């Protein structure tokens, strides 16, 4: 898979964390993560796309309006490492973090580990 394709999937995934409608979040995650995705970060861990949707919805309930921007993406051997920044709804930067991502055979993300 081309690097730009993985980056587009990353962009869709990161956009799903923002303050968007539930249907749009589901659409973005269907194109970027596998049905049986495994994810972990300091705020929680889980399995399945539906579990990730619930995790993101809980995040938005606790931190309404928070969104993310990608600072840098590295891809090699079909795996991805992203550096990102988190912003409050007033555009104040509040954190920088990292995600390691491994895609499945269909190139949707099957394992994601976030660090911040």
PDB file of N, CA and C in Angstrom:
ATOM      1  N   UNK A   1       0.848  -1.191   0.000  1.00  0.00           N
ATOM      2  CA  UNK A   1       0.000   0.000   0.000  1.00  0.00           C
ATOM      3  C   UNK A   1       0.878   1.232   0.000  1.00  0.00           C
ATOM      4  N   UNK A   2       0.494   2.198  -0.764  1.00  0.00           N
ATOM      5  CA  UNK A   2       1.251   3.435  -0.865  1.00  0.00           C
ATOM      6  C   UNK A   2       1.182   4.214   0.445  1.00  0.00           C
ATOM      7  N   UNK A   3       2.253   4.923   0.705  1.00  0.00           N
ATOM      8  CA  UNK A   3       2.335   5.724   1.927  1.00  0.00           C
ATOM      9  C   UNK A   3       1.174   6.701   2.016  1.00  0.00           C
ATOM     10  N   UNK A   4       0.818   7.338   0.919  1.00  0.00           N
ATOM     11  CA  UNK A   4      -0.267   8.319   0.968  1.00  0.00           C
ATOM     12  C   UNK A   4      -1.599   7.680   1.334  1.00  0.00           C
ATOM     13  N   UNK A   5      -1.803   6.418   0.986  1.00  0.00           N
ATOM     14  CA  UNK A   5      -3.043   5.728   1.365  1.00  0.00           C
ATOM     15  C   UNK A   5      -3.105   5.518   2.873  1.00  0.00           C
ATOM     16  N   UNK A   6      -2.000   5.119   3.477  1.00  0.00           N
ATOM     17  CA  UNK A   6      -1.968   4.974   4.942  1.00  0.00           C
ATOM     18  C   UNK A   6      -2.175   6.327   5.611  1.00  0.00           C
ATOM     19  N   UNK A   7      -1.583   7.360   5.048  1.00  0.00           N
ATOM     20  CA  UNK A   7      -1.754   8.692   5.622  1.00  0.00           C
ATOM     21  C   UNK A   7      -3.207   9.151   5.526  1.00  0.00           C
ATOM     22  N   UNK A   8      -3.879   8.844   4.421  1.00  0.00           N
ATOM     23  CA  UNK A   8      -5.301   9.199   4.294  1.00  0.00           C
ATOM     24  C   UNK A   8      -6.137   8.457   5.335  1.00  0.00           C
ATOM     25  N   UNK A   9      -5.824   7.193   5.564  1.00  0.00           N
ATOM     26  CA  UNK A   9      -6.546   6.441   6.600  1.00  0.00           C
ATOM     27  C   UNK A   9      -6.282   7.056   7.978  1.00  0.00           C
ATOM     28  N   UNK A  10      -5.047   7.462   8.212  1.00  0.00           N
ATOM     29  CA  UNK A  10      -4.726   8.121   9.483  1.00  0.00           C
ATOM     30  C   UNK A  10      -5.544   9.409   9.630  1.00  0.00           C
ATOM     31  N   UNK A  11      -5.615  10.204   8.569  1.00  0.00           N
ATOM     32  CA  UNK A  11      -6.383  11.448   8.626  1.00  0.00           C
ATOM     33  C   UNK A  11      -7.851  11.175   8.942  1.00  0.00           C
ATOM     34  N   UNK A  12      -8.425  10.132   8.349  1.00  0.00           N
ATOM     35  CA  UNK A  12      -9.820   9.769   8.625  1.00  0.00           C
ATOM     36  C   UNK A  12      -9.984   9.363  10.081  1.00  0.00           C
ATOM     37  N   UNK A  13      -9.054   8.542  10.575  1.00  0.00           N
ATOM     38  CA  UNK A  13      -9.113   8.115  11.974  1.00  0.00           C
ATOM     39  C   UNK A  13      -9.049   9.318  12.912  1.00  0.00           C
ATOM     40  N   UNK A  14      -8.091  10.201  12.695  1.00  0.00           N
ATOM     41  CA  UNK A  14      -7.917  11.334  13.598  1.00  0.00           C
ATOM     42  C   UNK A  14      -9.126  12.269  13.548  1.00  0.00           C
ATOM     43  N   UNK A  15      -9.700  12.457  12.369  1.00  0.00           N
ATOM     44  CA  UNK A  15     -10.894  13.291  12.241  1.00  0.00           C
ATOM     45  C   UNK A  15     -12.059  12.711  13.030  1.00  0.00           C
ATOM     46  N   UNK A  16     -12.106  11.387  13.163  1.00  0.00           N
ATOM     47  CA  UNK A  16     -13.197  10.733  13.901  1.00  0.00           C
ATOM     48  C   UNK A  16     -13.187  11.089  15.382  1.00  0.00           C
ATOM     49  N   UNK A  17     -12.061  11.534  15.902  1.00  0.00           N
ATOM     50  CA  UNK A  17     -11.973  11.935  17.312  1.00  0.00           C
ATOM     51  C   UNK A  17     -12.561  13.317  17.567  1.00  0.00           C
ATOM     52  N   UNK A  18     -12.803  14.079  16.534  1.00  0.00           N
ATOM     53  CA  UNK A  18     -13.266  15.452  16.699  1.00  0.00           C
ATOM     54  C   UNK A  18     -14.736  15.556  17.034  1.00  0.00           C
ATOM     55  N   UNK A  19     -15.201  16.790  17.210  1.00  0.00           N
ATOM     56  CA  UNK A  19     -16.610  17.051  17.537  1.00  0.00           C
ATOM     57  C   UNK A  19     -17.480  16.977  16.281  1.00  0.00           C
ATOM     58  N   UNK A  20     -17.833  15.757  15.894  1.00  0.00           N
ATOM     59  CA  UNK A  20     -18.597  15.528  14.660  1.00  0.00           C
ATOM     60  C   UNK A  20     -19.824  14.674  14.963  1.00  0.00           C
ATOM     61  N   UNK A  21     -20.702  14.577  14.004  1.00  0.00           N
ATOM     62  CA  UNK A  21     -21.908  13.755  14.144  1.00  0.00           C
ATOM     63  C   UNK A  21     -21.541  12.273  14.219  1.00  0.00           C
ATOM     64  N   UNK A  22     -22.353  11.520  14.928  1.00  0.00           N
ATOM     65  CA  UNK A  22     -22.102  10.090  15.120  1.00  0.00           C
ATOM     66  C   UNK A  22     -22.002   9.341  13.788  1.00  0.00           C
ATOM     67  N   UNK A  23     -22.854   9.664  12.835  1.00  0.00           N
ATOM     68  CA  UNK A  23     -22.830   8.974  11.544  1.00  0.00           C
ATOM     69  C   UNK A  23     -21.521   9.241  10.802  1.00  0.00           C
ATOM     70  N   UNK A  24     -21.014  10.459  10.887  1.00  0.00           N
ATOM     71  CA  UNK A  24     -19.746  10.798  10.246  1.00  0.00           C
ATOM     72  C   UNK A  24     -18.591  10.080  10.936  1.00  0.00           C
ATOM     73  N   UNK A  25     -18.626  10.000  12.261  1.00  0.00           N
ATOM     74  CA  UNK A  25     -17.593   9.275  13.005  1.00  0.00           C
ATOM     75  C   UNK A  25     -17.555   7.809  12.571  1.00  0.00           C
ATOM     76  N   UNK A  26     -18.726   7.199  12.480  1.00  0.00           N
ATOM     77  CA  UNK A  26     -18.795   5.799  12.062  1.00  0.00           C
ATOM     78  C   UNK A  26     -18.270   5.624  10.634  1.00  0.00           C
ATOM     79  N   UNK A  27     -18.615   6.530   9.736  1.00  0.00           N
ATOM     80  CA  UNK A  27     -18.146   6.456   8.353  1.00  0.00           C
ATOM     81  C   UNK A  27     -16.619   6.547   8.301  1.00  0.00           C
ATOM     82  N   UNK A  28     -16.049   7.494   9.028  1.00  0.00           N
ATOM     83  CA  UNK A  28     -14.594   7.663   9.035  1.00  0.00           C
ATOM     84  C   UNK A  28     -13.886   6.439   9.608  1.00  0.00           C
ATOM     85  N   UNK A  29     -14.452   5.869  10.650  1.00  0.00           N
ATOM     86  CA  UNK A  29     -13.811   4.702  11.272  1.00  0.00           C
ATOM     87  C   UNK A  29     -13.988   3.446  10.427  1.00  0.00           C
ATOM     88  N   UNK A  30     -15.081   3.330   9.705  1.00  0.00           N
ATOM     89  CA  UNK A  30     -15.239   2.178   8.804  1.00  0.00           C
ATOM     90  C   UNK A  30     -14.182   2.182   7.715  1.00  0.00           C
ATOM     91  N   UNK A  31     -13.783   3.344   7.270  1.00  0.00           N
ATOM     92  CA  UNK A  31     -12.768   3.404   6.218  1.00  0.00           C
ATOM     93  C   UNK A  31     -11.352   3.302   6.762  1.00  0.00           C
ATOM     94  N   UNK A  32     -11.155   3.489   8.076  1.00  0.00           N
ATOM     95  CA  UNK A  32      -9.788   3.546   8.600  1.00  0.00           C
ATOM     96  C   UNK A  32      -9.410   2.419   9.554  1.00  0.00           C
ATOM     97  N   UNK A  33     -10.343   1.839  10.270  1.00  0.00           N
ATOM     98  CA  UNK A  33      -9.987   0.791  11.243  1.00  0.00           C
ATOM     99  C   UNK A  33     -10.763  -0.495  10.977  1.00  0.00           C
ATOM    100  N   UNK A  34     -10.156  -1.614  11.332  1.00  0.00           N
ATOM    101  CA  UNK A  34     -10.798  -2.913  11.123  1.00  0.00           C
ATOM    102  C   UNK A  34     -11.932  -3.127  12.126  1.00  0.00           C
ATOM    103  N   UNK A  35     -12.809  -4.058  11.802  1.00  0.00           N
ATOM    104  CA  UNK A  35     -13.917  -4.392  12.708  1.00  0.00           C
ATOM    105  C   UNK A  35     -13.405  -4.840  14.068  1.00  0.00           C
ATOM    106  N   UNK A  36     -12.268  -5.550  14.072  1.00  0.00           N
ATOM    107  CA  UNK A  36     -11.744  -6.130  15.313  1.00  0.00           C
ATOM    108  C   UNK A  36     -10.485  -5.409  15.807  1.00  0.00           C
ATOM    109  N   UNK A  37     -10.423  -4.109  15.562  1.00  0.00           N
ATOM    110  CA  UNK A  37      -9.285  -3.306  15.999  1.00  0.00           C
ATOM    111  C   UNK A  37      -9.028  -3.478  17.500  1.00  0.00           C
ATOM    112  N   UNK A  38      -7.772  -3.477  17.863  1.00  0.00           N
ATOM    113  CA  UNK A  38      -7.336  -3.463  19.272  1.00  0.00           C
ATOM    114  C   UNK A  38      -6.662  -2.117  19.472  1.00  0.00           C
ATOM    115  N   UNK A  39      -7.066  -1.399  20.511  1.00  0.00           N
ATOM    116  CA  UNK A  39      -6.493  -0.075  20.749  1.00  0.00           C
ATOM    117  C   UNK A  39      -6.179   0.114  22.227  1.00  0.00           C
ATOM    118  N   UNK A  40      -5.163   0.925  22.461  1.00  0.00           N
ATOM    119  CA  UNK A  40      -4.772   1.246  23.825  1.00  0.00           C
ATOM    120  C   UNK A  40      -4.155   2.639  23.846  1.00  0.00           C
ATOM    121  N   UNK A  41      -4.450   3.365  24.900  1.00  0.00           N
ATOM    122  CA  UNK A  41      -3.816   4.650  25.177  1.00  0.00           C
ATOM    123  C   UNK A  41      -3.979   4.919  26.666  1.00  0.00           C
ATOM    124  N   UNK A  42      -3.328   5.933  27.213  1.00  0.00           N
ATOM    125  CA  UNK A  42      -3.445   6.166  28.656  1.00  0.00           C
ATOM    126  C   UNK A  42      -4.880   6.388  29.144  1.00  0.00           C
ATOM    127  N   UNK A  43      -5.787   6.768  28.235  1.00  0.00           N
ATOM    128  CA  UNK A  43      -7.179   6.997  28.612  1.00  0.00           C
ATOM    129  C   UNK A  43      -8.059   5.771  28.551  1.00  0.00           C
ATOM    130  N   UNK A  44      -7.527   4.658  28.076  1.00  0.00           N
ATOM    131  CA  UNK A  44      -8.330   3.447  28.005  1.00  0.00           C
ATOM    132  C   UNK A  44      -7.781   2.461  27.003  1.00  0.00           C
ATOM    133  N   UNK A  45      -8.477   1.352  26.918  1.00  0.00           N
ATOM    134  CA  UNK A  45      -8.111   0.323  25.962  1.00  0.00           C
ATOM    135  C   UNK A  45      -9.369  -0.421  25.568  1.00  0.00           C
ATOM    136  N   UNK A  46      -9.302  -1.103  24.454  1.00  0.00           N
ATOM    137  CA  UNK A  46     -10.478  -1.841  24.044  1.00  0.00           C
ATOM    138  C   UNK A  46     -10.265  -2.590  22.761  1.00  0.00           C
ATOM    139  N   UNK A  47     -11.360  -3.179  22.315  1.00  0.00           N
ATOM    140  CA  UNK A  47     -11.368  -3.971  21.092  1.00  0.00           C
ATOM    141  C   UNK A  47     -12.623  -3.633  20.312  1.00  0.00           C
ATOM    142  N   UNK A  48     -12.577  -3.818  19.048  1.00  0.00           N
ATOM    143  CA  UNK A  48     -13.638  -3.651  18.059  1.00  0.00           C
ATOM    144  C   UNK A  48     -13.857  -2.174  17.707  1.00  0.00           C
ATOM    145  N   UNK A  49     -14.331  -1.995  16.485  1.00  0.00           N
ATOM    146  CA  UNK A  49     -14.638  -0.641  16.031  1.00  0.00           C
ATOM    147  C   UNK A  49     -15.729  -0.022  16.895  1.00  0.00           C
ATOM    148  N   UNK A  50     -16.737  -0.807  17.261  1.00  0.00           N
ATOM    149  CA  UNK A  50     -17.796  -0.263  18.124  1.00  0.00           C
ATOM    150  C   UNK A  50     -17.250   0.149  19.493  1.00  0.00           C
ATOM    151  N   UNK A  51     -16.292  -0.618  20.003  1.00  0.00           N
ATOM    152  CA  UNK A  51     -15.656  -0.233  21.263  1.00  0.00           C
ATOM    153  C   UNK A  51     -14.885   1.062  21.121  1.00  0.00           C
ATOM    154  N   UNK A  52     -14.240   1.252  19.983  1.00  0.00           N
ATOM    155  CA  UNK A  52     -13.508   2.493  19.727  1.00  0.00           C
ATOM    156  C   UNK A  52     -14.473   3.667  19.600  1.00  0.00           C
ATOM    157  N   UNK A  53     -15.583   3.456  18.927  1.00  0.00           N
ATOM    158  CA  UNK A  53     -16.595   4.515  18.815  1.00  0.00           C
ATOM    159  C   UNK A  53     -17.064   4.932  20.203  1.00  0.00           C
ATOM    160  N   UNK A  54     -17.353   3.980  21.062  1.00  0.00           N
ATOM    161  CA  UNK A  54     -17.787   4.293  22.430  1.00  0.00           C
ATOM    162  C   UNK A  54     -16.688   5.047  23.190  1.00  0.00           C
ATOM    163  N   UNK A  55     -15.448   4.626  23.002  1.00  0.00           N
ATOM    164  CA  UNK A  55     -14.308   5.290  23.646  1.00  0.00           C
ATOM    165  C   UNK A  55     -14.216   6.757  23.199  1.00  0.00           C
ATOM    166  N   UNK A  56     -14.359   6.995  21.895  1.00  0.00           N
ATOM    167  CA  UNK A  56     -14.274   8.356  21.373  1.00  0.00           C
ATOM    168  C   UNK A  56     -15.458   9.196  21.844  1.00  0.00           C
ATOM    169  N   UNK A  57     -16.645   8.624  21.842  1.00  0.00           N
ATOM    170  CA  UNK A  57     -17.821   9.363  22.322  1.00  0.00           C
ATOM    171  C   UNK A  57     -17.662   9.746  23.789  1.00  0.00           C
ATOM    172  N   UNK A  58     -17.102   8.851  24.598  1.00  0.00           N
ATOM    173  CA  UNK A  58     -16.844   9.159  26.001  1.00  0.00           C
ATOM    174  C   UNK A  58     -15.813  10.287  26.118  1.00  0.00           C
ATOM    175  N   UNK A  59     -14.774  10.229  25.295  1.00  0.00           N
ATOM    176  CA  UNK A  59     -13.768  11.289  25.272  1.00  0.00           C
ATOM    177  C   UNK A  59     -14.416  12.638  24.957  1.00  0.00           C
ATOM    178  N   UNK A  60     -15.291  12.684  23.943  1.00  0.00           N
ATOM    179  CA  UNK A  60     -15.940  13.946  23.588  1.00  0.00           C
ATOM    180  C   UNK A  60     -16.916  14.422  24.669  1.00  0.00           C
ATOM    181  N   UNK A  61     -17.528  13.503  25.418  1.00  0.00           N
ATOM    182  CA  UNK A  61     -18.387  13.911  26.539  1.00  0.00           C
ATOM    183  C   UNK A  61     -17.548  14.573  27.624  1.00  0.00           C
ATOM    184  N   UNK A  62     -16.371  14.027  27.881  1.00  0.00           N
ATOM    185  CA  UNK A  62     -15.492  14.559  28.934  1.00  0.00           C
ATOM    186  C   UNK A  62     -14.755  15.819  28.503  1.00  0.00           C
ATOM    187  N   UNK A  63     -14.443  15.918  27.208  1.00  0.00           N
ATOM    188  CA  UNK A  63     -13.674  17.059  26.690  1.00  0.00           C
ATOM    189  C   UNK A  63     -14.343  17.587  25.422  1.00  0.00           C
ATOM    190  N   UNK A  64     -15.550  18.132  25.566  1.00  0.00           N
ATOM    191  CA  UNK A  64     -16.327  18.533  24.389  1.00  0.00           C
ATOM    192  C   UNK A  64     -15.580  19.538  23.509  1.00  0.00           C
ATOM    193  N   UNK A  65     -15.672  19.284  22.204  1.00  0.00           N
ATOM    194  CA  UNK A  65     -15.079  20.191  21.240  1.00  0.00           C
ATOM    195  C   UNK A  65     -13.598  19.977  20.978  1.00  0.00           C
ATOM    196  N   UNK A  66     -12.981  19.067  21.710  1.00  0.00           N
ATOM    197  CA  UNK A  66     -11.556  18.809  21.526  1.00  0.00           C
ATOM    198  C   UNK A  66     -11.327  18.171  20.159  1.00  0.00           C
ATOM    199  N   UNK A  67     -10.229  18.565  19.525  1.00  0.00           N
ATOM    200  CA  UNK A  67      -9.899  18.002  18.221  1.00  0.00           C
ATOM    201  C   UNK A  67      -8.391  17.823  18.111  1.00  0.00           C
ATOM    202  N   UNK A  68      -7.947  17.155  17.055  1.00  0.00           N
ATOM    203  CA  UNK A  68      -6.547  16.806  16.861  1.00  0.00           C
ATOM    204  C   UNK A  68      -6.062  17.243  15.489  1.00  0.00           C
ATOM    205  N   UNK A  69      -4.761  17.510  15.406  1.00  0.00           N
ATOM    206  CA  UNK A  69      -4.095  17.770  14.133  1.00  0.00           C
ATOM    207  C   UNK A  69      -2.822  16.937  14.084  1.00  0.00           C
ATOM    208  N   UNK A  70      -2.516  16.441  12.906  1.00  0.00           N
ATOM    209  CA  UNK A  70      -1.302  15.661  12.713  1.00  0.00           C
ATOM    210  C   UNK A  70      -0.113  16.597  12.547  1.00  0.00           C
ATOM    211  N   UNK A  71       0.946  16.323  13.294  1.00  0.00           N
ATOM    212  CA  UNK A  71       2.191  17.082  13.167  1.00  0.00           C
ATOM    213  C   UNK A  71       3.152  16.413  12.186  1.00  0.00           C
ATOM    214  N   UNK A  72       3.239  15.085  12.243  1.00  0.00           N
ATOM    215  CA  UNK A  72       4.182  14.357  11.393  1.00  0.00           C
ATOM    216  C   UNK A  72       3.752  12.902  11.331  1.00  0.00           C
ATOM    217  N   UNK A  73       3.933  12.274  10.177  1.00  0.00           N
ATOM    218  CA  UNK A  73       3.646  10.852  10.001  1.00  0.00           C
ATOM    219  C   UNK A  73       4.879  10.184   9.405  1.00  0.00           C
ATOM    220  N   UNK A  74       5.237   9.041   9.970  1.00  0.00           N
ATOM    221  CA  UNK A  74       6.321   8.215   9.453  1.00  0.00           C
ATOM    222  C   UNK A  74       5.726   6.868   9.059  1.00  0.00           C
ATOM    223  N   UNK A  75       6.095   6.372   7.895  1.00  0.00           N
ATOM    224  CA  UNK A  75       5.622   5.068   7.445  1.00  0.00           C
ATOM    225  C   UNK A  75       6.816   4.267   6.956  1.00  0.00           C
ATOM    226  N   UNK A  76       6.903   3.023   7.414  1.00  0.00           N
ATOM    227  CA  UNK A  76       7.868   2.096   6.829  1.00  0.00           C
ATOM    228  C   UNK A  76       7.374   0.681   7.042  1.00  0.00           C
ATOM    229  N   UNK A  77       7.674  -0.186   6.101  1.00  0.00           N
ATOM    230  CA  UNK A  77       7.285  -1.599   6.140  1.00  0.00           C
ATOM    231  C   UNK A  77       5.804  -1.777   6.462  1.00  0.00           C
ATOM    232  N   UNK A  78       4.983  -0.871   5.971  1.00  0.00           N
ATOM    233  CA  UNK A  78       3.540  -0.995   6.137  1.00  0.00           C
ATOM    234  C   UNK A  78       3.015  -0.607   7.502  1.00  0.00           C
ATOM    235  N   UNK A  79       3.845  -0.032   8.353  1.00  0.00           N
ATOM    236  CA  UNK A  79       3.401   0.423   9.679  1.00  0.00           C
ATOM    237  C   UNK A  79       3.529   1.940   9.750  1.00  0.00           C
ATOM    238  N   UNK A  80       2.811   2.523  10.690  1.00  0.00           N
ATOM    239  CA  UNK A  80       2.723   3.978  10.756  1.00  0.00           C
ATOM    240  C   UNK A  80       2.995   4.459  12.173  1.00  0.00           C
ATOM    241  N   UNK A  81       3.728   5.555  12.273  1.00  0.00           N
ATOM    242  CA  UNK A  81       3.921   6.267  13.535  1.00  0.00           C
ATOM    243  C   UNK A  81       3.517   7.704  13.282  1.00  0.00           C
ATOM    244  N   UNK A  82       2.590   8.214  14.073  1.00  0.00           N
ATOM    245  CA  UNK A  82       2.118   9.582  13.903  1.00  0.00           C
ATOM    246  C   UNK A  82       2.401  10.395  15.155  1.00  0.00           C
ATOM    247  N   UNK A  83       2.788  11.632  14.950  1.00  0.00           N
ATOM    248  CA  UNK A  83       2.896  12.617  16.023  1.00  0.00           C
ATOM    249  C   UNK A  83       1.747  13.581  15.811  1.00  0.00           C
ATOM    250  N   UNK A  84       0.999  13.853  16.874  1.00  0.00           N
ATOM    251  CA  UNK A  84      -0.185  14.688  16.757  1.00  0.00           C
ATOM    252  C   UNK A  84      -0.258  15.681  17.915  1.00  0.00           C
ATOM    253  N   UNK A  85      -1.092  16.681  17.744  1.00  0.00           N
ATOM    254  CA  UNK A  85      -1.364  17.643  18.810  1.00  0.00           C
ATOM    255  C   UNK A  85      -2.861  17.675  19.074  1.00  0.00           C
ATOM    256  N   UNK A  86      -3.214  17.880  20.336  1.00  0.00           N
ATOM    257  CA  UNK A  86      -4.611  17.955  20.756  1.00  0.00           C
ATOM    258  C   UNK A  86      -4.924  19.409  21.114  1.00  0.00           C
ATOM    259  N   UNK A  87      -6.108  19.865  20.677  1.00  0.00           N
ATOM    260  CA  UNK A  87      -6.528  21.248  20.883  1.00  0.00           C
ATOM    261  C   UNK A  87      -7.890  21.316  21.555  1.00  0.00           C
ATOM    262  N   UNK A  88      -8.052  22.292  22.427  1.00  0.00           N
ATOM    263  CA  UNK A  88      -9.370  22.576  22.993  1.00  0.00           C
ATOM    264  C   UNK A  88     -10.208  23.279  21.932  1.00  0.00           C
ATOM    265  N   UNK A  89     -11.489  23.383  22.192  1.00  0.00           N
ATOM    266  CA  UNK A  89     -12.402  23.992  21.220  1.00  0.00           C
ATOM    267  C   UNK A  89     -12.053  25.450  20.921  1.00  0.00           C
ATOM    268  N   UNK A  90     -11.309  26.116  21.807  1.00  0.00           N
ATOM    269  CA  UNK A  90     -10.889  27.498  21.560  1.00  0.00           C
ATOM    270  C   UNK A  90      -9.548  27.575  20.822  1.00  0.00           C
ATOM    271  N   UNK A  91      -9.085  26.427  20.293  1.00  0.00           N
ATOM    272  CA  UNK A  91      -7.850  26.306  19.519  1.00  0.00           C
ATOM    273  C   UNK A  91      -6.573  26.377  20.355  1.00  0.00           C
ATOM    274  N   UNK A  92      -6.685  26.236  21.664  1.00  0.00           N
ATOM    275  CA  UNK A  92      -5.522  26.182  22.537  1.00  0.00           C
ATOM    276  C   UNK A  92      -4.932  24.777  22.494  1.00  0.00           C
ATOM    277  N   UNK A  93      -3.642  24.697  22.177  1.00  0.00           N
ATOM    278  CA  UNK A  93      -2.968  23.396  22.161  1.00  0.00           C
ATOM    279  C   UNK A  93      -2.775  22.925  23.589  1.00  0.00           C
ATOM    280  N   UNK A  94      -3.182  21.664  23.866  1.00  0.00           N
ATOM    281  CA  UNK A  94      -3.090  21.165  25.241  1.00  0.00           C
ATOM    282  C   UNK A  94      -2.219  19.929  25.396  1.00  0.00           C
ATOM    283  N   UNK A  95      -1.846  19.279  24.300  1.00  0.00           N
ATOM    284  CA  UNK A  95      -1.013  18.080  24.436  1.00  0.00           C
ATOM    285  C   UNK A  95      -0.415  17.703  23.089  1.00  0.00           C
ATOM    286  N   UNK A  96       0.668  16.962  23.157  1.00  0.00           N
ATOM    287  CA  UNK A  96       1.271  16.320  21.999  1.00  0.00           C
ATOM    288  C   UNK A  96       1.366  14.842  22.313  1.00  0.00           C
ATOM    289  N   UNK A  97       1.119  14.007  21.324  1.00  0.00           N
ATOM    290  CA  UNK A  97       1.174  12.569  21.542  1.00  0.00           C
ATOM    291  C   UNK A  97       1.646  11.835  20.309  1.00  0.00           C
ATOM    292  N   UNK A  98       1.676  10.512  20.445  1.00  0.00           N
ATOM    293  CA  UNK A  98       2.203   9.635  19.408  1.00  0.00           C
ATOM    294  C   UNK A  98       1.301   8.415  19.285  1.00  0.00           C
ATOM    295  N   UNK A  99       1.153   7.914  18.083  1.00  0.00           N
ATOM    296  CA  UNK A  99       0.433   6.661  17.863  1.00  0.00           C
ATOM    297  C   UNK A  99       1.259   5.752  16.969  1.00  0.00           C
ATOM    298  N   UNK A 100       1.352   4.493  17.391  1.00  0.00           N
ATOM    299  CA  UNK A 100       1.901   3.440  16.553  1.00  0.00           C
ATOM    300  C   UNK A 100       0.722   2.666  16.000  1.00  0.00           C
ATOM    301  N   UNK A 101       0.729   2.408  14.683  1.00  0.00           N
ATOM    302  CA  UNK A 101      -0.412   1.784  14.024  1.00  0.00           C
ATOM    303  C   UNK A 101       0.077   0.650  13.129  1.00  0.00           C
ATOM    304  N   UNK A 102      -0.610  -0.483  13.241  1.00  0.00           N
ATOM    305  CA  UNK A 102      -0.340  -1.620  12.350  1.00  0.00           C
ATOM    306  C   UNK A 102      -1.630  -1.942  11.596  1.00  0.00           C
ATOM    307  N   UNK A 103      -1.582  -1.950  10.248  1.00  0.00           N
ATOM    308  CA  UNK A 103      -2.777  -2.273   9.475  1.00  0.00           C
ATOM    309  C   UNK A 103      -2.953  -3.781   9.284  1.00  0.00           C
ATOM    310  N   UNK A 104      -4.168  -4.177   8.909  1.00  0.00           N
ATOM    311  CA  UNK A 104      -4.459  -5.576   8.601  1.00  0.00           C
ATOM    312  C   UNK A 104      -4.233  -5.825   7.106  1.00  0.00           C
ATOM    313  N   UNK A 105      -4.632  -6.992   6.634  1.00  0.00           N
ATOM    314  CA  UNK A 105      -4.416  -7.352   5.231  1.00  0.00           C
ATOM    315  C   UNK A 105      -5.207  -6.455   4.278  1.00  0.00           C
ATOM    316  N   UNK A 106      -6.269  -5.817   4.772  1.00  0.00           N
ATOM    317  CA  UNK A 106      -7.054  -4.882   3.965  1.00  0.00           C
ATOM    318  C   UNK A 106      -6.581  -3.437   4.151  1.00  0.00           C
ATOM    319  N   UNK A 107      -5.487  -3.277   4.894  1.00  0.00           N
ATOM    320  CA  UNK A 107      -4.852  -1.979   5.148  1.00  0.00           C
ATOM    321  C   UNK A 107      -5.658  -1.054   6.046  1.00  0.00           C
ATOM    322  N   UNK A 108      -6.661  -1.613   6.732  1.00  0.00           N
ATOM    323  CA  UNK A 108      -7.315  -0.831   7.776  1.00  0.00           C
ATOM    324  C   UNK A 108      -6.565  -1.102   9.070  1.00  0.00           C
ATOM    325  N   UNK A 109      -6.581  -0.169   9.971  1.00  0.00           N
ATOM    326  CA  UNK A 109      -5.783  -0.283  11.193  1.00  0.00           C
ATOM    327  C   UNK A 109      -6.356  -1.357  12.115  1.00  0.00           C
ATOM    328  N   UNK A 110      -5.502  -2.324  12.463  1.00  0.00           N
ATOM    329  CA  UNK A 110      -5.946  -3.422  13.321  1.00  0.00           C
ATOM    330  C   UNK A 110      -5.368  -3.334  14.720  1.00  0.00           C
ATOM    331  N   UNK A 111      -4.262  -2.609  14.878  1.00  0.00           N
ATOM    332  CA  UNK A 111      -3.656  -2.412  16.204  1.00  0.00           C
ATOM    333  C   UNK A 111      -3.194  -0.972  16.293  1.00  0.00           C
ATOM    334  N   UNK A 112      -3.572  -0.314  17.388  1.00  0.00           N
ATOM    335  CA  UNK A 112      -3.209   1.082  17.593  1.00  0.00           C
ATOM    336  C   UNK A 112      -2.807   1.282  19.040  1.00  0.00           C
ATOM    337  N   UNK A 113      -1.625   1.857  19.235  1.00  0.00           N
ATOM    338  CA  UNK A 113      -1.154   2.195  20.578  1.00  0.00           C
ATOM    339  C   UNK A 113      -0.857   3.681  20.617  1.00  0.00           C
ATOM    340  N   UNK A 114      -1.547   4.391  21.496  1.00  0.00           N
ATOM    341  CA  UNK A 114      -1.338   5.823  21.644  1.00  0.00           C
ATOM    342  C   UNK A 114      -0.547   6.138  22.902  1.00  0.00           C
ATOM    343  N   UNK A 115       0.299   7.147  22.817  1.00  0.00           N
ATOM    344  CA  UNK A 115       1.130   7.569  23.948  1.00  0.00           C
ATOM    345  C   UNK A 115       1.027   9.086  24.085  1.00  0.00           C
ATOM    346  N   UNK A 116       0.763   9.536  25.298  1.00  0.00           N
ATOM    347  CA  UNK A 116       0.756  10.978  25.583  1.00  0.00           C
ATOM    348  C   UNK A 116       0.923  11.208  27.067  1.00  0.00           C
TER     349      UNK A 116
END
